[in-house]
C-alpha atoms as a PDB file:
ATOM      1  CA  MET A   1     254.939  29.981 107.538  1.00  0.00           C
ATOM      2  CA  ILE A   2     255.174  29.629 103.786  1.00  0.00           C
ATOM      3  CA  GLY A   3     258.014  31.530 102.157  1.00  0.00           C
ATOM      4  CA  ALA A   4     258.126  33.394  98.885  1.00  0.00           C
ATOM      5  CA  PHE A   5     260.221  30.674  97.274  1.00  0.00           C
ATOM      6  CA  THR A   6     257.625  28.008  98.099  1.00  0.00           C
ATOM      7  CA  VAL A   7     254.726  30.076  96.777  1.00  0.00           C
ATOM      8  CA  GLY A   8     256.652  30.989  93.624  1.00  0.00           C
ATOM      9  CA  LYS A   9     257.544  27.365  93.004  1.00  0.00           C
ATOM     10  CA  LYS A  10     253.906  26.324  93.396  1.00  0.00           C
ATOM     11  CA  MET A  11     252.820  29.074  90.970  1.00  0.00           C
ATOM     12  CA  LEU A  12     255.358  27.923  88.384  1.00  0.00           C
ATOM     13  CA  LEU A  13     254.324  24.301  88.777  1.00  0.00           C
ATOM     14  CA  PHE A  14     250.630  25.181  88.488  1.00  0.00           C
ATOM     15  CA  GLY A  15     251.219  27.249  85.352  1.00  0.00           C
ATOM     16  CA  TYR A  16     253.381  24.542  83.817  1.00  0.00           C
ATOM     17  CA  LYS A  17     250.909  21.722  84.481  1.00  0.00           C
ATOM     18  CA  ARG A  18     247.980  23.713  83.172  1.00  0.00           C
ATOM     19  CA  TYR A  19     249.418  25.584  80.180  1.00  0.00           C
ATOM     20  CA  GLY A  20     252.963  24.309  79.628  1.00  0.00           C
ATOM     21  CA  VAL A  21     256.043  26.491  79.444  1.00  0.00           C
ATOM     22  CA  PRO A  22     254.169  29.708  78.495  1.00  0.00           C
ATOM     23  CA  GLY A  23     251.877  29.216  81.487  1.00  0.00           C
ATOM     24  CA  ALA A  24     254.848  28.790  83.795  1.00  0.00           C
ATOM     25  CA  ILE A  25     256.400  32.003  82.491  1.00  0.00           C
ATOM     26  CA  VAL A  26     253.172  33.995  82.844  1.00  0.00           C
ATOM     27  CA  SER A  27     252.318  32.667  86.303  1.00  0.00           C
ATOM     28  CA  GLY A  28     255.883  33.319  87.461  1.00  0.00           C
ATOM     29  CA  ALA A  29     255.778  36.876  86.147  1.00  0.00           C
ATOM     30  CA  ILE A  30     252.437  37.509  87.861  1.00  0.00           C
ATOM     31  CA  PHE A  31     253.826  36.156  91.129  1.00  0.00           C
ATOM     32  CA  VAL A  32     256.944  38.325  90.944  1.00  0.00           C
ATOM     33  CA  ALA A  33     254.928  41.463  90.159  1.00  0.00           C
ATOM     34  CA  GLY A  34     252.536  40.797  93.033  1.00  0.00           C
ATOM     35  CA  TYR A  35     255.373  40.005  95.412  1.00  0.00           C
ATOM     36  CA  VAL A  36     257.201  43.223  94.553  1.00  0.00           C
ATOM     37  CA  ALA A  37     254.005  45.281  94.907  1.00  0.00           C
ATOM     38  CA  VAL A  38     253.222  43.839  98.334  1.00  0.00           C
ATOM     39  CA  ARG A  39     256.804  44.266  99.541  1.00  0.00           C
ATOM     40  CA  ARG A  40     256.828  47.912  98.430  1.00  0.00           C
ATOM     41  CA  ALA A  41     253.493  48.618 100.083  1.00  0.00           C
ATOM     42  CA  LEU A  42     254.587  47.040 103.341  1.00  0.00           C
ATOM     43  CA  SER A  43     258.069  48.538 103.454  1.00  0.00           C
ATOM     44  CA  GLY A  44     256.836  52.001 102.465  1.00  0.00           C
ATOM     45  CA  GLY A  45     254.517  52.108 105.423  1.00  0.00           C
ATOM     46  CA  ALA A  46     256.670  50.292 107.961  1.00  0.00           C
ATOM     47  CA  ASN A  47     256.504  53.245 110.327  1.00  0.00           C
ATOM     48  CA  ALA A  48     252.808  53.878 109.725  1.00  0.00           C
ATOM     49  CA  ASP A  49     250.289  53.161 112.462  1.00  0.00           C
ATOM     50  CA  SER A  50     247.551  51.905 110.168  1.00  0.00           C
ATOM     51  CA  LEU A  51     247.011  50.410 106.752  1.00  0.00           C
ATOM     52  CA  ASP A  52     245.537  53.690 105.462  1.00  0.00           C
ATOM     53  CA  GLU A  53     248.713  55.547 106.367  1.00  0.00           C
ATOM     54  CA  ALA A  54     250.812  52.842 104.726  1.00  0.00           C
ATOM     55  CA  LEU A  55     248.814  53.080 101.497  1.00  0.00           C
ATOM     56  CA  GLU A  56     249.030  56.876 101.517  1.00  0.00           C
ATOM     57  CA  ALA A  57     252.791  56.616 101.963  1.00  0.00           C
ATOM     58  CA  GLU A  58     253.051  54.316  98.939  1.00  0.00           C
ATOM     59  CA  LEU A  59     250.401  55.757  96.619  1.00  0.00           C
ATOM     60  CA  GLY A  60     250.467  59.390  97.701  1.00  0.00           C
ATOM     61  CA  PRO A  61     247.796  61.399  99.463  1.00  0.00           C
ATOM     62  CA  THR A  62     244.289  61.409  98.088  1.00  0.00           C
ATOM     63  CA  ASP A  63     242.337  64.647  98.190  1.00  0.00           C
ATOM     64  CA  GLU A  64     238.658  63.749  98.309  1.00  0.00           C
ATOM     65  CA  SER A  65     237.542  67.313  99.008  1.00  0.00           C
ATOM     66  CA  ASP A  66     238.436  68.542  95.502  1.00  0.00           C
ATOM     67  CA  ASP A  67     235.085  68.116  93.755  1.00  0.00           C
ATOM     68  CA  SER A  68     235.117  71.430  91.877  1.00  0.00           C
ATOM     69  CA  ASP A  69     234.660  69.660  88.535  1.00  0.00           C
ATOM     70  CA  LEU A  70     231.571  67.861  89.789  1.00  0.00           C
ATOM     71  CA  ASP A  71     229.765  70.996  90.960  1.00  0.00           C
ATOM     72  CA  ASP A  72     226.069  70.965  89.996  1.00  0.00           C
ATOM     73  CA  SER A  73     225.720  74.734  89.788  1.00  0.00           C
ATOM     74  CA  PRO A  74     225.804  76.104  86.219  1.00  0.00           C
ATOM     75  CA  ASP A  75     228.655  78.359  85.153  1.00  0.00           C
ATOM     76  CA  ASP A  76     227.882  81.841  83.863  1.00  0.00           C
ATOM     77  CA  SER A  77     230.224  81.335  80.914  1.00  0.00           C
ATOM     78  CA  SER A  78     228.391  78.251  79.630  1.00  0.00           C
ATOM     79  CA  ALA A  79     224.882  79.654  79.977  1.00  0.00           C
ATOM     80  CA  SER A  80     223.284  80.771  76.748  1.00  0.00           C
ATOM     81  CA  ASN A  81     219.986  82.602  76.272  1.00  0.00           C
END
């Protein structure tokens, strides 16, 4: 199994070889942000039974039934004769 240190080191080396010091900094920052996001998503849903429950625990519930703004019926207040 490849650890976070190994992947981070490879990202820094790739960024450095391709774009120099600024590339190493940017690729390292991208790796750290992605690593933190994945760790939060996985630890937030550690007790969840599925990936959907884990994502809802991290991002909050999504209410797909609230489509009142997308109703196709015309309002009486906006109708003009």
